[in-house]
Every structure is written in C-alpha cells, then in structure tokens.
C-alpha cells in the first residue's frame, strides 16, 4: 500500500484483509481506547447490512501493528458523500501508539478522501485528536460502567424498573 519513513524507522500502511483480522483485533483489545466498534468484524456488519465499502487500514512497524483506522465510504444519499470511521456508531476513530502513527493515518485518510471526492472526512471518538480540525460536540452520548464478577451485583447496579425489564428479557 504505502510506506512512510519516520525518524529513521519504516512505517508501513496496510489495507485490512481477512487474513490480518486477528492481528487487528489483538491490537484493538490491547489498546486502552479500543472499543467493540473498532473490531474487524464490525466492518463486515456495515458492509453486509448497508452495502458500504470499507477502507480499513493499519500501520505496521517491524511486523507489529502500531495503529488502526477503520474507514467506511458512504456514497451520495440521505447521509451525504463521506468517509467515516465507523458510521452509525458513537466511537471508532484511529487507535495509535504515537503521534507520528496518527499523522501517517491522518494523511492516508485525507488522501483517500480527496481521491474518492467525498464532501467530508469524519473520525468518531471521545476526544479531539487534532486542534486544526472541526469538532462537533454533543452529538453522541457514551455511558460506561465497570462490570463486576457477580451477575447479581451487576443487576443491583441497574435501577429497579429497568432491572425488571432486563430480567424479563
């Protein structure tokens, strides 16, 4: 795909193929900001359900994954012509080990957006990763809670009426 020399070390950008999904998922699972929506299987869901094309790419250095960027191309229509990291999801932007890897993935995404002629490129995440990019706040909500080892303790953390609904389900 492409190779970038940074600080004397070669960084390789690779399009995600089925054979590399385990490596991708391992990186996502180990990254502190990795989410369900970053997982390789999620691209199949988006592709099969909505028919969108994916351009997932990962960065590799010395044979090790050092960054991932899920990208989905949404053609013209109700949602506009855009390139989005995990559409219909609240998270799923780039996961990286360093700023230099993020910059390489950002550049790739920008070049791809130009090549596809999209109206905009959108990264979804919990925080702003570039000061020079537009940020849309208050669009999505994320709720997090720790999970205990005991199913009963977890149920007690849910409000009473909601707990009844959960039990019914």
N, C-alpha and C. Protein backbone atom coordinates (compact mmCIF):
# COMPACT_ATOMS: atom_id res chain seq x y z
N UNK A 1 0.83 -1.18 0.00
CA UNK A 1 0.00 0.00 0.00
C UNK A 1 0.88 1.24 0.00
N UNK A 2 1.40 1.61 1.16
CA UNK A 2 2.35 2.72 1.18
C UNK A 2 3.31 2.54 2.34
N UNK A 3 4.48 3.13 2.17
CA UNK A 3 5.47 3.08 3.23
C UNK A 3 5.92 4.50 3.51
N UNK A 4 6.08 4.80 4.79
CA UNK A 4 6.45 6.13 5.22
C UNK A 4 7.68 6.00 6.10
N UNK A 5 8.71 6.79 5.82
CA UNK A 5 9.89 6.79 6.69
C UNK A 5 9.68 7.86 7.74
N UNK A 6 9.74 7.46 9.00
CA UNK A 6 9.61 8.42 10.09
C UNK A 6 10.71 8.15 11.10
N UNK A 7 11.48 9.18 11.39
CA UNK A 7 12.55 9.09 12.39
C UNK A 7 13.44 7.87 12.14
N UNK A 8 13.72 7.61 10.85
CA UNK A 8 14.62 6.52 10.52
C UNK A 8 13.99 5.13 10.56
N UNK A 9 12.77 5.03 11.02
CA UNK A 9 12.10 3.73 11.09
C UNK A 9 11.00 3.68 10.05
N UNK A 10 10.90 2.56 9.37
CA UNK A 10 9.90 2.44 8.32
C UNK A 10 8.54 2.10 8.90
N UNK A 11 7.55 2.86 8.50
CA UNK A 11 6.17 2.63 8.91
C UNK A 11 5.41 2.23 7.65
N UNK A 12 4.75 1.11 7.71
CA UNK A 12 4.04 0.58 6.55
C UNK A 12 2.54 0.67 6.80
N UNK A 13 1.79 1.21 5.85
CA UNK A 13 0.33 1.25 5.93
C UNK A 13 -0.22 0.12 5.08
N UNK A 14 -1.10 -0.69 5.67
CA UNK A 14 -1.59 -1.90 5.02
C UNK A 14 -3.11 -1.93 5.05
N UNK A 15 -3.73 -2.20 3.90
CA UNK A 15 -5.19 -2.36 3.85
C UNK A 15 -5.57 -3.64 4.59
N UNK A 16 -6.59 -3.56 5.43
CA UNK A 16 -7.01 -4.73 6.19
C UNK A 16 -7.66 -5.76 5.28
N UNK A 17 -7.10 -6.96 5.28
CA UNK A 17 -7.67 -8.10 4.57
C UNK A 17 -8.08 -9.13 5.61
N UNK A 18 -8.91 -10.08 5.23
CA UNK A 18 -9.42 -11.07 6.17
C UNK A 18 -8.32 -11.79 6.95
N UNK A 19 -7.20 -12.08 6.30
CA UNK A 19 -6.12 -12.84 6.95
C UNK A 19 -5.51 -12.08 8.13
N UNK A 20 -5.62 -10.77 8.14
CA UNK A 20 -4.99 -9.95 9.19
C UNK A 20 -5.97 -9.53 10.28
N UNK A 21 -7.21 -10.01 10.21
CA UNK A 21 -8.21 -9.57 11.19
C UNK A 21 -7.84 -9.92 12.62
N UNK A 22 -7.22 -11.07 12.84
CA UNK A 22 -6.82 -11.45 14.21
C UNK A 22 -5.78 -10.47 14.76
N UNK A 23 -4.83 -10.08 13.93
CA UNK A 23 -3.80 -9.11 14.36
C UNK A 23 -4.44 -7.77 14.69
N UNK A 24 -5.35 -7.32 13.83
CA UNK A 24 -6.09 -6.07 14.05
C UNK A 24 -6.82 -6.14 15.39
N UNK A 25 -7.60 -7.19 15.59
CA UNK A 25 -8.40 -7.32 16.82
C UNK A 25 -7.53 -7.41 18.07
N UNK A 26 -6.40 -8.07 17.97
CA UNK A 26 -5.49 -8.15 19.12
C UNK A 26 -5.01 -6.76 19.52
N UNK A 27 -4.67 -5.94 18.52
CA UNK A 27 -4.24 -4.56 18.80
C UNK A 27 -5.38 -3.78 19.45
N UNK A 28 -6.58 -3.89 18.90
CA UNK A 28 -7.75 -3.19 19.44
C UNK A 28 -8.00 -3.60 20.89
N UNK A 29 -7.95 -4.89 21.16
CA UNK A 29 -8.21 -5.39 22.52
C UNK A 29 -7.17 -4.89 23.52
N UNK A 30 -5.94 -4.72 23.08
CA UNK A 30 -4.87 -4.28 23.98
C UNK A 30 -4.80 -2.77 24.12
N UNK A 31 -5.40 -2.03 23.19
CA UNK A 31 -5.33 -0.57 23.23
C UNK A 31 -6.33 -0.04 24.27
N UNK A 32 -5.92 0.90 25.12
CA UNK A 32 -6.82 1.40 26.17
C UNK A 32 -8.08 2.08 25.65
N UNK A 33 -8.07 2.58 24.42
CA UNK A 33 -9.25 3.25 23.86
C UNK A 33 -9.99 2.37 22.86
N UNK A 34 -9.58 1.13 22.71
CA UNK A 34 -10.24 0.22 21.77
C UNK A 34 -11.66 -0.09 22.20
N UNK A 35 -12.57 -0.16 21.24
CA UNK A 35 -13.98 -0.44 21.52
C UNK A 35 -14.47 -1.58 20.62
N UNK A 36 -15.67 -2.02 20.92
CA UNK A 36 -16.34 -3.03 20.10
C UNK A 36 -16.40 -2.58 18.64
N UNK A 37 -16.62 -1.29 18.42
CA UNK A 37 -16.79 -0.76 17.06
C UNK A 37 -15.49 -0.71 16.27
N UNK A 38 -14.36 -0.85 16.95
CA UNK A 38 -13.07 -0.91 16.26
C UNK A 38 -12.77 -2.31 15.73
N UNK A 39 -13.46 -3.30 16.22
CA UNK A 39 -13.16 -4.69 15.86
C UNK A 39 -13.36 -4.93 14.36
N UNK A 40 -12.56 -5.81 13.81
CA UNK A 40 -12.60 -6.10 12.37
C UNK A 40 -13.96 -6.62 11.92
N UNK A 41 -14.63 -7.39 12.74
CA UNK A 41 -15.93 -7.94 12.36
C UNK A 41 -16.98 -6.88 12.14
N UNK A 42 -16.81 -5.73 12.77
CA UNK A 42 -17.80 -4.66 12.62
C UNK A 42 -17.82 -4.14 11.18
N UNK A 43 -16.69 -4.20 10.48
CA UNK A 43 -16.67 -3.74 9.08
C UNK A 43 -17.56 -4.64 8.22
N UNK A 44 -17.58 -5.95 8.53
CA UNK A 44 -18.46 -6.86 7.77
C UNK A 44 -19.92 -6.53 8.02
N UNK A 45 -20.25 -6.18 9.25
CA UNK A 45 -21.64 -5.79 9.57
C UNK A 45 -22.04 -4.59 8.72
N UNK A 46 -21.22 -3.55 8.72
CA UNK A 46 -21.52 -2.33 7.95
C UNK A 46 -21.59 -2.64 6.46
N UNK A 47 -20.64 -3.44 5.98
CA UNK A 47 -20.59 -3.78 4.55
C UNK A 47 -21.80 -4.61 4.15
N UNK A 48 -22.13 -5.64 4.94
CA UNK A 48 -23.22 -6.55 4.57
C UNK A 48 -24.60 -5.95 4.78
N UNK A 49 -24.78 -5.17 5.83
CA UNK A 49 -26.10 -4.60 6.11
C UNK A 49 -26.39 -3.39 5.23
N UNK A 50 -25.40 -2.50 5.07
CA UNK A 50 -25.64 -1.25 4.35
C UNK A 50 -25.05 -1.22 2.95
N UNK A 51 -24.18 -2.18 2.63
CA UNK A 51 -23.58 -2.22 1.31
C UNK A 51 -22.47 -1.20 1.09
N UNK A 52 -21.94 -0.62 2.16
CA UNK A 52 -20.88 0.38 2.03
C UNK A 52 -19.53 -0.31 1.87
N UNK A 53 -18.62 0.37 1.21
CA UNK A 53 -17.27 -0.16 1.01
C UNK A 53 -16.36 0.29 2.15
N UNK A 54 -15.52 -0.64 2.61
CA UNK A 54 -14.61 -0.27 3.70
C UNK A 54 -13.19 -0.07 3.17
N UNK A 55 -12.48 0.81 3.86
CA UNK A 55 -11.08 1.11 3.55
C UNK A 55 -10.26 1.05 4.83
N UNK A 56 -10.50 0.05 5.65
CA UNK A 56 -9.77 -0.09 6.91
C UNK A 56 -8.28 -0.25 6.62
N UNK A 57 -7.48 0.46 7.38
CA UNK A 57 -6.03 0.41 7.18
C UNK A 57 -5.35 0.32 8.55
N UNK A 58 -4.23 -0.40 8.57
CA UNK A 58 -3.46 -0.43 9.81
C UNK A 58 -2.01 -0.06 9.52
N UNK A 59 -1.35 0.46 10.54
CA UNK A 59 0.06 0.83 10.44
C UNK A 59 0.87 -0.27 11.10
N UNK A 60 1.98 -0.59 10.46
CA UNK A 60 2.83 -1.68 10.93
C UNK A 60 4.28 -1.21 10.95
N UNK A 61 4.99 -1.57 12.01
CA UNK A 61 6.41 -1.27 12.10
C UNK A 61 7.11 -2.52 12.60
N UNK A 62 8.13 -2.94 11.89
CA UNK A 62 8.87 -4.16 12.26
C UNK A 62 7.94 -5.34 12.47
N UNK A 63 6.91 -5.47 11.63
CA UNK A 63 5.99 -6.60 11.71
C UNK A 63 4.95 -6.51 12.80
N UNK A 64 4.93 -5.41 13.54
CA UNK A 64 3.97 -5.25 14.63
C UNK A 64 2.96 -4.14 14.31
N UNK A 65 1.69 -4.39 14.61
CA UNK A 65 0.64 -3.39 14.39
C UNK A 65 0.83 -2.28 15.42
N UNK A 66 0.90 -1.03 14.93
CA UNK A 66 1.10 0.13 15.81
C UNK A 66 -0.02 1.16 15.67
N UNK A 67 -1.02 0.86 14.85
CA UNK A 67 -2.16 1.76 14.70
C UNK A 67 -3.19 1.16 13.77
N UNK A 68 -4.46 1.50 14.02
CA UNK A 68 -5.54 1.06 13.14
C UNK A 68 -6.47 2.23 12.87
N UNK A 69 -7.05 2.24 11.68
CA UNK A 69 -8.02 3.27 11.32
C UNK A 69 -9.14 2.63 10.50
N UNK A 70 -10.31 2.43 11.12
CA UNK A 70 -11.45 1.92 10.37
C UNK A 70 -12.05 3.06 9.53
N UNK A 71 -12.28 2.81 8.26
CA UNK A 71 -12.87 3.83 7.39
C UNK A 71 -13.93 3.18 6.50
N UNK A 72 -15.09 3.82 6.44
CA UNK A 72 -16.20 3.36 5.60
C UNK A 72 -16.58 4.48 4.65
N UNK A 73 -16.74 4.15 3.38
CA UNK A 73 -17.14 5.12 2.36
C UNK A 73 -18.66 5.07 2.20
N UNK A 74 -19.30 6.19 2.47
CA UNK A 74 -20.75 6.30 2.30
C UNK A 74 -21.00 7.13 1.06
N UNK A 75 -21.64 6.53 0.07
CA UNK A 75 -21.92 7.23 -1.18
C UNK A 75 -23.00 8.28 -1.02
N UNK A 76 -23.28 8.96 -2.07
CA UNK A 76 -24.32 10.01 -2.03
C UNK A 76 -25.64 9.41 -1.58
N UNK A 77 -26.45 10.22 -0.97
CA UNK A 77 -27.73 9.75 -0.48
C UNK A 77 -28.14 10.53 0.75
N UNK A 78 -28.97 9.92 1.54
CA UNK A 78 -29.51 10.56 2.74
C UNK A 78 -28.43 11.11 3.66
N UNK A 79 -27.32 10.40 3.80
CA UNK A 79 -26.28 10.80 4.75
C UNK A 79 -25.13 11.56 4.09
N UNK A 80 -25.25 11.91 2.82
CA UNK A 80 -24.20 12.65 2.14
C UNK A 80 -23.08 11.73 1.67
N UNK A 81 -22.14 12.32 0.97
CA UNK A 81 -21.00 11.58 0.42
C UNK A 81 -19.82 11.81 1.35
N UNK A 82 -19.46 10.80 2.14
CA UNK A 82 -18.43 10.99 3.15
C UNK A 82 -17.64 9.73 3.43
N UNK A 83 -16.55 9.94 4.11
CA UNK A 83 -15.67 8.86 4.57
C UNK A 83 -15.68 8.95 6.09
N UNK A 84 -16.15 7.88 6.75
CA UNK A 84 -16.39 7.93 8.19
C UNK A 84 -15.72 6.74 8.87
N UNK A 85 -15.13 7.03 10.02
CA UNK A 85 -14.66 5.91 10.84
C UNK A 85 -15.88 5.41 11.59
N UNK A 86 -16.35 4.25 11.22
CA UNK A 86 -17.49 3.56 11.82
C UNK A 86 -18.79 4.37 11.87
N UNK A 87 -19.48 4.48 10.74
CA UNK A 87 -20.78 5.15 10.73
C UNK A 87 -21.79 4.41 11.60
N UNK A 88 -22.77 5.13 12.09
CA UNK A 88 -23.85 4.60 12.94
C UNK A 88 -23.33 4.13 14.29
N UNK A 89 -22.13 4.54 14.65
CA UNK A 89 -21.52 4.16 15.93
C UNK A 89 -21.03 5.42 16.63
N UNK A 90 -20.95 5.38 17.94
CA UNK A 90 -20.52 6.56 18.68
C UNK A 90 -19.01 6.68 18.77
N UNK A 91 -18.29 5.60 18.56
CA UNK A 91 -16.83 5.63 18.64
C UNK A 91 -16.27 4.82 17.48
N UNK A 92 -14.95 4.88 17.33
CA UNK A 92 -14.33 4.09 16.28
C UNK A 92 -13.30 4.83 15.48
N UNK A 93 -12.74 5.91 16.01
CA UNK A 93 -11.70 6.64 15.30
C UNK A 93 -10.37 5.91 15.35
N UNK A 94 -9.30 6.60 14.98
CA UNK A 94 -8.00 5.95 14.94
C UNK A 94 -7.52 5.53 16.34
N UNK A 95 -6.84 4.40 16.39
CA UNK A 95 -6.16 3.93 17.60
C UNK A 95 -4.68 3.84 17.25
N UNK A 96 -3.84 4.53 18.00
CA UNK A 96 -2.42 4.59 17.65
C UNK A 96 -1.55 4.50 18.90
N UNK A 97 -0.27 4.21 18.67
CA UNK A 97 0.68 4.18 19.78
C UNK A 97 1.49 5.47 19.88
N UNK A 98 1.41 6.33 18.84
CA UNK A 98 2.18 7.57 18.87
C UNK A 98 1.56 8.60 17.92
N UNK A 99 1.97 9.85 18.11
CA UNK A 99 1.50 10.93 17.24
C UNK A 99 1.96 10.72 15.80
N UNK A 100 3.17 10.20 15.61
CA UNK A 100 3.66 10.01 14.25
C UNK A 100 2.82 8.98 13.48
N UNK A 101 2.35 7.95 14.18
CA UNK A 101 1.48 6.96 13.55
C UNK A 101 0.14 7.61 13.22
N UNK A 102 -0.39 8.41 14.15
CA UNK A 102 -1.66 9.11 13.90
C UNK A 102 -1.53 10.01 12.68
N UNK A 103 -0.42 10.74 12.59
CA UNK A 103 -0.21 11.65 11.46
C UNK A 103 -0.17 10.88 10.14
N UNK A 104 0.46 9.72 10.13
CA UNK A 104 0.52 8.90 8.91
C UNK A 104 -0.88 8.42 8.52
N UNK A 105 -1.66 7.97 9.50
CA UNK A 105 -3.03 7.52 9.22
C UNK A 105 -3.92 8.69 8.80
N UNK A 106 -3.74 9.85 9.44
CA UNK A 106 -4.49 11.06 9.05
C UNK A 106 -4.22 11.41 7.59
N UNK A 107 -2.94 11.38 7.22
CA UNK A 107 -2.55 11.71 5.84
C UNK A 107 -3.18 10.74 4.85
N UNK A 108 -3.11 9.46 5.18
CA UNK A 108 -3.72 8.45 4.32
C UNK A 108 -5.21 8.73 4.14
N UNK A 109 -5.91 8.99 5.26
CA UNK A 109 -7.35 9.24 5.20
C UNK A 109 -7.66 10.48 4.38
N UNK A 110 -6.86 11.53 4.54
CA UNK A 110 -7.06 12.76 3.76
C UNK A 110 -6.87 12.53 2.27
N UNK A 111 -5.82 11.79 1.92
CA UNK A 111 -5.57 11.48 0.51
C UNK A 111 -6.69 10.62 -0.07
N UNK A 112 -7.15 9.65 0.70
CA UNK A 112 -8.24 8.79 0.25
C UNK A 112 -9.52 9.60 0.07
N UNK A 113 -9.80 10.50 1.00
CA UNK A 113 -10.99 11.36 0.90
C UNK A 113 -10.94 12.20 -0.38
N UNK A 114 -9.76 12.74 -0.69
CA UNK A 114 -9.59 13.52 -1.93
C UNK A 114 -9.81 12.63 -3.15
N UNK A 115 -9.23 11.44 -3.13
CA UNK A 115 -9.34 10.52 -4.27
C UNK A 115 -10.79 10.10 -4.50
N UNK A 116 -11.54 9.87 -3.42
CA UNK A 116 -12.95 9.46 -3.54
C UNK A 116 -13.87 10.64 -3.81
N UNK A 117 -13.38 11.86 -3.61
CA UNK A 117 -14.19 13.06 -3.84
C UNK A 117 -15.32 13.23 -2.85
N UNK A 118 -15.08 12.84 -1.59
CA UNK A 118 -16.14 12.95 -0.57
C UNK A 118 -16.31 14.39 -0.12
N UNK A 119 -17.49 14.67 0.45
CA UNK A 119 -17.77 16.01 0.97
C UNK A 119 -17.05 16.26 2.29
N UNK A 120 -16.88 15.20 3.09
CA UNK A 120 -16.12 15.34 4.32
C UNK A 120 -15.61 14.01 4.84
N UNK A 121 -14.61 14.13 5.70
CA UNK A 121 -13.97 13.00 6.37
C UNK A 121 -14.30 13.14 7.85
N UNK A 122 -14.79 12.08 8.47
CA UNK A 122 -15.22 12.15 9.87
C UNK A 122 -14.61 11.03 10.70
N UNK A 123 -13.89 11.42 11.76
CA UNK A 123 -13.37 10.45 12.73
C UNK A 123 -14.27 10.53 13.95
N UNK A 124 -14.69 9.39 14.46
CA UNK A 124 -15.55 9.36 15.65
C UNK A 124 -14.73 8.88 16.84
N UNK A 125 -14.79 9.66 17.91
CA UNK A 125 -14.04 9.29 19.10
C UNK A 125 -14.50 10.11 20.29
N UNK A 126 -13.91 9.82 21.43
CA UNK A 126 -14.29 10.51 22.66
C UNK A 126 -13.65 11.87 22.81
N UNK A 127 -12.55 12.10 22.11
CA UNK A 127 -11.85 13.37 22.28
C UNK A 127 -11.33 13.88 20.95
N UNK A 128 -11.06 15.16 20.93
CA UNK A 128 -10.49 15.80 19.74
C UNK A 128 -9.05 15.33 19.59
N UNK A 129 -8.68 14.88 18.41
CA UNK A 129 -7.31 14.41 18.23
C UNK A 129 -6.45 15.40 17.45
N UNK A 130 -7.09 16.40 16.83
CA UNK A 130 -6.34 17.43 16.11
C UNK A 130 -6.98 18.77 16.35
N UNK A 131 -6.19 19.71 16.79
CA UNK A 131 -6.69 21.05 17.09
C UNK A 131 -7.15 21.79 15.84
N UNK A 132 -6.60 21.45 14.68
CA UNK A 132 -6.92 22.17 13.45
C UNK A 132 -8.12 21.57 12.70
N UNK A 133 -8.80 20.60 13.29
CA UNK A 133 -9.98 20.01 12.66
C UNK A 133 -11.24 20.46 13.37
N UNK A 134 -12.31 20.58 12.62
CA UNK A 134 -13.61 20.95 13.20
C UNK A 134 -14.10 19.82 14.11
N UNK A 135 -14.69 20.21 15.22
CA UNK A 135 -15.22 19.24 16.17
C UNK A 135 -16.71 19.49 16.34
N UNK A 136 -17.50 18.43 16.29
CA UNK A 136 -18.94 18.52 16.56
C UNK A 136 -19.19 17.88 17.91
N UNK A 137 -19.46 18.73 18.90
CA UNK A 137 -19.71 18.25 20.26
C UNK A 137 -21.19 17.97 20.47
N UNK A 138 -21.47 17.23 21.52
CA UNK A 138 -22.84 16.95 21.96
C UNK A 138 -23.70 16.27 20.90
N UNK A 139 -23.08 15.43 20.09
CA UNK A 139 -23.82 14.70 19.07
C UNK A 139 -24.17 13.29 19.56
N UNK A 140 -23.26 12.69 20.32
CA UNK A 140 -23.44 11.33 20.81
C UNK A 140 -23.20 11.28 22.32
N UNK A 141 -23.77 10.28 22.95
CA UNK A 141 -23.55 10.05 24.38
C UNK A 141 -22.94 8.67 24.57
N UNK A 142 -22.03 8.59 25.50
CA UNK A 142 -21.39 7.32 25.84
C UNK A 142 -21.58 7.09 27.32
N UNK A 143 -22.03 5.91 27.69
CA UNK A 143 -22.21 5.55 29.08
C UNK A 143 -21.29 4.38 29.39
N UNK A 144 -20.53 4.50 30.47
CA UNK A 144 -19.61 3.43 30.85
C UNK A 144 -19.82 3.08 32.31
N UNK A 145 -19.67 1.82 32.57
CA UNK A 145 -19.76 1.35 33.95
C UNK A 145 -18.93 0.07 34.04
N UNK A 146 -18.23 -0.06 35.14
CA UNK A 146 -17.45 -1.27 35.37
C UNK A 146 -18.37 -2.46 35.57
N UNK A 147 -17.90 -3.62 35.21
CA UNK A 147 -18.68 -4.85 35.36
C UNK A 147 -18.00 -5.70 36.43
N UNK A 148 -18.77 -6.12 37.41
CA UNK A 148 -18.23 -6.96 38.48
C UNK A 148 -18.27 -8.43 38.05
N UNK A 149 -17.65 -9.28 38.82
CA UNK A 149 -17.62 -10.71 38.51
C UNK A 149 -18.97 -11.38 38.79
N UNK A 150 -19.79 -10.75 39.61
CA UNK A 150 -21.07 -11.35 40.01
C UNK A 150 -22.24 -10.79 39.19
N UNK A 151 -22.97 -11.65 38.48
CA UNK A 151 -24.15 -11.19 37.74
C UNK A 151 -25.17 -10.51 38.64
N UNK A 152 -25.37 -11.01 39.84
CA UNK A 152 -26.34 -10.40 40.77
C UNK A 152 -25.91 -9.00 41.18
N UNK A 153 -24.62 -8.81 41.43
CA UNK A 153 -24.13 -7.47 41.78
C UNK A 153 -24.34 -6.51 40.61
N UNK A 154 -24.12 -6.98 39.40
CA UNK A 154 -24.33 -6.13 38.22
C UNK A 154 -25.79 -5.75 38.09
N UNK A 155 -26.69 -6.68 38.33
CA UNK A 155 -28.13 -6.37 38.27
C UNK A 155 -28.51 -5.33 39.30
N UNK A 156 -27.92 -5.38 40.49
CA UNK A 156 -28.24 -4.42 41.55
C UNK A 156 -27.84 -3.00 41.17
N UNK A 157 -26.88 -2.87 40.25
CA UNK A 157 -26.44 -1.55 39.81
C UNK A 157 -27.43 -0.89 38.86
N UNK A 158 -28.36 -1.66 38.34
CA UNK A 158 -29.37 -1.15 37.40
C UNK A 158 -30.58 -0.69 38.22
N UNK A 159 -31.14 0.49 37.90
CA UNK A 159 -32.34 0.96 38.63
C UNK A 159 -33.45 -0.10 38.60
N UNK A 160 -34.27 -0.12 39.65
CA UNK A 160 -35.26 -1.17 39.89
C UNK A 160 -36.16 -1.45 38.68
N UNK A 161 -36.78 -0.42 38.09
CA UNK A 161 -37.70 -0.64 36.97
C UNK A 161 -36.97 -1.18 35.74
N UNK A 162 -35.80 -0.63 35.49
CA UNK A 162 -35.01 -1.12 34.36
C UNK A 162 -34.55 -2.55 34.60
N UNK A 163 -34.25 -2.88 35.85
CA UNK A 163 -33.82 -4.23 36.21
C UNK A 163 -34.93 -5.24 35.91
N UNK A 164 -36.18 -4.84 36.16
CA UNK A 164 -37.32 -5.73 35.87
C UNK A 164 -37.40 -6.01 34.37
N UNK A 165 -37.15 -4.99 33.57
CA UNK A 165 -37.17 -5.16 32.11
C UNK A 165 -36.03 -6.09 31.68
N UNK A 166 -34.86 -5.92 32.28
CA UNK A 166 -33.71 -6.77 31.95
C UNK A 166 -34.02 -8.22 32.30
N UNK A 167 -34.60 -8.44 33.45
CA UNK A 167 -34.93 -9.81 33.87
C UNK A 167 -35.94 -10.44 32.92
N UNK A 168 -36.91 -9.63 32.47
CA UNK A 168 -37.93 -10.13 31.54
C UNK A 168 -37.29 -10.57 30.22
N UNK A 169 -36.32 -9.79 29.78
CA UNK A 169 -35.65 -10.08 28.51
C UNK A 169 -34.88 -11.37 28.62
